Amino acid sequence: MESRIAMLEQIARSTTAGLENIDRRMDGLDRRMDGFDHRMDGFDRRLEGVERRMDVIIAGQRADFRWVVGLILTCIFTVIGVFGTMLGVMAHGFHWL
């Protein structure tokens, strides 16, 4: 009976030592993760700056796109108007009207 108790006490001591070792490792991991969190916070701040710059770039691209679409539509309507005017002058010259 006493050998069993001695064995259980030995298992308890080794378990306690193992748990302390795991606890030390977890504390070290927590410290490393704190450093990682700090680096990720810096990365997030830089990414927010990039997002703000991208918003400015996208706004500029939208303005340029609208300007180009307006220019294209103006050219199309001008060509249609000129073609209609030419047809009118031809109709008048050939006495179609």
Protein backbone atom coordinates (compact mmCIF):
# COMPACT_ATOMS: atom_id res chain seq x y z
CA MET A 1 0.00 0.00 0.00
CA GLU A 2 2.80 2.37 0.90
CA SER A 3 4.54 1.68 -2.42
CA ARG A 4 1.35 2.73 -4.22
CA ILE A 5 1.14 5.94 -2.18
CA ALA A 6 4.82 6.64 -2.90
CA MET A 7 4.17 6.04 -6.59
CA LEU A 8 1.18 8.43 -6.55
CA GLU A 9 3.26 11.07 -4.74
CA GLN A 10 5.98 10.67 -7.39
CA ILE A 11 3.38 11.05 -10.18
CA ALA A 12 1.98 14.15 -8.44
CA ARG A 13 5.47 15.72 -8.21
CA SER A 14 6.29 15.01 -11.85
CA THR A 15 2.85 16.29 -12.89
CA THR A 16 3.41 19.48 -10.90
CA ALA A 17 6.84 19.95 -12.50
CA GLY A 18 5.37 19.32 -15.95
CA LEU A 19 2.57 21.82 -15.33
CA GLU A 20 5.09 24.44 -14.15
CA ASN A 21 7.12 23.85 -17.29
CA ILE A 22 3.99 24.25 -19.44
CA ASP A 23 3.10 27.41 -17.51
CA ARG A 24 6.57 28.90 -18.18
CA ARG A 25 6.28 28.08 -21.85
CA MET A 26 2.82 29.64 -22.02
CA ASP A 27 4.14 32.81 -20.34
CA GLY A 28 6.91 33.00 -22.94
CA LEU A 29 4.37 32.47 -25.69
CA ASP A 30 2.20 35.24 -24.22
CA ARG A 31 5.18 37.64 -24.28
CA ARG A 32 5.94 36.75 -27.90
CA MET A 33 2.30 37.17 -28.85
CA ASP A 34 2.26 40.61 -27.20
CA GLY A 35 5.16 41.60 -29.45
CA PHE A 36 3.34 40.16 -32.44
CA ASP A 37 0.19 42.10 -31.52
CA HIS A 38 2.25 45.29 -31.29
CA ARG A 39 3.70 44.68 -34.77
CA MET A 40 0.26 43.92 -36.19
CA ASP A 41 -1.09 47.18 -34.71
CA GLY A 42 1.66 49.04 -36.57
CA PHE A 43 0.77 47.17 -39.74
CA ASP A 44 -2.90 48.09 -39.28
CA ARG A 45 -1.98 51.78 -38.94
CA ARG A 46 0.08 51.64 -42.14
CA LEU A 47 -2.74 49.83 -43.93
CA GLU A 48 -5.21 52.53 -42.88
CA GLY A 49 -2.90 55.12 -44.44
CA VAL A 50 -2.80 53.11 -47.67
CA GLU A 51 -6.59 52.82 -47.65
CA ARG A 52 -6.92 56.61 -47.32
CA ARG A 53 -4.55 57.13 -50.24
CA MET A 54 -6.43 54.57 -52.31
CA ASP A 55 -9.69 56.39 -51.61
CA VAL A 56 -8.14 59.58 -52.99
CA ILE A 57 -6.84 57.73 -56.05
CA ILE A 58 -10.19 56.07 -56.70
CA ALA A 59 -12.01 59.41 -56.37
CA GLY A 60 -9.63 60.89 -58.93
CA GLN A 61 -10.16 57.96 -61.29
CA ARG A 62 -13.93 58.35 -61.01
CA ALA A 63 -13.66 62.04 -61.85
CA ASP A 64 -11.42 61.25 -64.84
CA PHE A 65 -13.82 58.53 -66.01
CA ARG A 66 -16.79 60.89 -65.85
CA TRP A 67 -14.84 63.55 -67.75
CA VAL A 68 -13.87 61.05 -70.49
CA VAL A 69 -17.43 59.71 -70.78
CA GLY A 70 -18.72 63.28 -71.08
CA LEU A 71 -16.15 64.01 -73.77
CA ILE A 72 -17.06 60.86 -75.71
CA LEU A 73 -20.79 61.64 -75.53
CA THR A 74 -20.15 65.22 -76.63
CA CYS A 75 -18.16 63.98 -79.64
CA ILE A 76 -20.87 61.47 -80.58
CA PHE A 77 -23.64 64.07 -80.41
CA THR A 78 -21.49 66.55 -82.35
CA VAL A 79 -20.92 64.00 -85.13
CA ILE A 80 -24.65 63.21 -85.22
CA GLY A 81 -25.44 66.94 -85.36
CA VAL A 82 -22.92 67.57 -88.14
CA PHE A 83 -24.25 64.60 -90.11
CA GLY A 84 -27.82 65.88 -89.68
CA THR A 85 -26.76 69.35 -90.80
CA MET A 86 -25.04 67.91 -93.88
CA LEU A 87 -28.16 65.97 -94.75
CA GLY A 88 -30.22 69.13 -94.36
CA VAL A 89 -27.90 71.13 -96.61
CA MET A 90 -27.89 68.33 -99.20
CA ALA A 91 -31.67 68.08 -99.07
CA HIS A 92 -31.94 71.82 -99.58
CA GLY A 93 -29.32 71.84 -102.38
CA PHE A 94 -30.88 68.95 -104.28
CA HIS A 95 -34.35 70.37 -103.65
CA TRP A 96 -35.53 67.31 -101.79
CA LEU A 97 -37.48 69.49 -99.39
